[in-house]
C-alpha cells in the first residue's frame, strides 16, 4: 500500500479520480429493447443461428500492422494473438517464458525496465512495432496485495513508459475488467472508473489501479476495453482452467454441491466468449479506439444462474442453486462451509448496475458470440476429465 501514493487505504479514493467525459452515440433498437427488458434475456439455445448475421464481426486485414502483445500466452491473450494473426498482422508475444503458439515469442517481463528485453529484441521491437495490447495481470480473484500491486501497478508503469520508446506507435489497447468498478453504486457507463466504490478484493483494486494509470497517461494513444468474465473452450487447447475466477464454481456444481446466490442467481454477470472479446480488441486497434473506453459483454445477457446451467448441461447435471438471502453476510463469511467457493463468495449478489447502452459506443458491425460457448465450456471440461481419467 505504501507504493500507492494516491491511496490512503483500500476502501478510500479521491473523488473524481480517473473519470473523463464521453460523448453519446445513436441508439440501436436492439440495445434499447435490452435496456427496457425487466430481466436479462435467456441464453441462446445450442447451435442457434445468430439473430442478425449482418452484425457479425469481419476481421479486416490491416497491412503493415505489427502488434506486440504483453501477456499473450494466457487464456484471453492467446485468443487476441490468434485474432490479430487472422487480421494479417505480424504478431509478437512477450512473456516470461519467451514462447508462443502464435506469431513470435519474445522473452521479457513487464515489471522490469524496458520490459526486460534483450538488446537485440529491444532494437527490433522499437523499430517496427505499430500497435500494442496490454493483456498481462493476475487472473485470480483471491490474489494477495504483493502480486497485485507489483503486476498491475509497477508492471503498468513500466509498460506505459515503454510506449514512449516506440516511434511507429499508432494505437495501444489496455484489456481491463469490469470488476475494476468494485462495489460501484448507481448507473455505470464507460465514463466512470472511480465512483466512491469499495473493493471486494485485491484483484479488483489492482484492476482499478491499472486502468487509472492508463487514463492518466494523456500523452499516449491508449484506449481501454473492459470485459466481464470471459468463458469458452481454452484457445490453447486442453481442459479449461477452473482454479480462478467464475470457473472455480464449475467443479463444485458438477459434483452436486450447492452454491448460495441472491435471487438464485437471477442477475447478469456480464460474461462473453473469448472469440468475440478478442475480435473487439482487434477492432479497437484498427478502428482505432483512440483514448476512449469500450465495454463488451454478450448482448444476450445470460444471468449467473443461466451460465451455471449451460455449463453443467453437457454433463447432464442440474446445478443446485440455493437462495442466499436468509444467510445474508454469513454466506461470505462461511464461504465453502455452505457450499460457496472462496472466489465466488463475494459475488453472490448483483454486482453493479451497468447501462447496457455502453455497447452502442463500439462501432458496428459487432462480433456475434458463439451461441453455444457456455455449453462448449462444459464439454471441454467433460472431455478434459475423460482424458485425465484415461491416463
Foldseek 3Di string as FASTA:
>chain_A
DVVPVQDPDQLDGDPPQLFDDDDDDDFDPLLVVQLPDPFFFAFFDAPDDFPDPVLADDQAADPQAEEEEEPLADQLSVLLLVSCVVSVYQYEYEDCVQDHPHHGGFHFQLLDALRRHDPVVSVVCQPRHAEYEYPDADQALADDQVRLCSCLPSSLVRVVVNVVSRPNYDAYEYEAEPLLCAQAADEDAQRDRDRSHHHPHSRSVSSSNNSSVLSVPVVDQYAYEYAFAAFFARPVDFADDCPHDPSVLQVLQLVPFEAEAAVLQRHFRQYAYSNLSSSLNSLCVVVPVGHGYAYDGQSSRHTPLSLNQLLNVVVVGRGHYHHCVVVPLVQQVVAPVRPHHNSCSVVRYHRYNYSSSSNVVRDGSGHHTNSRRSNNNNVSNVVNVVVVVVD
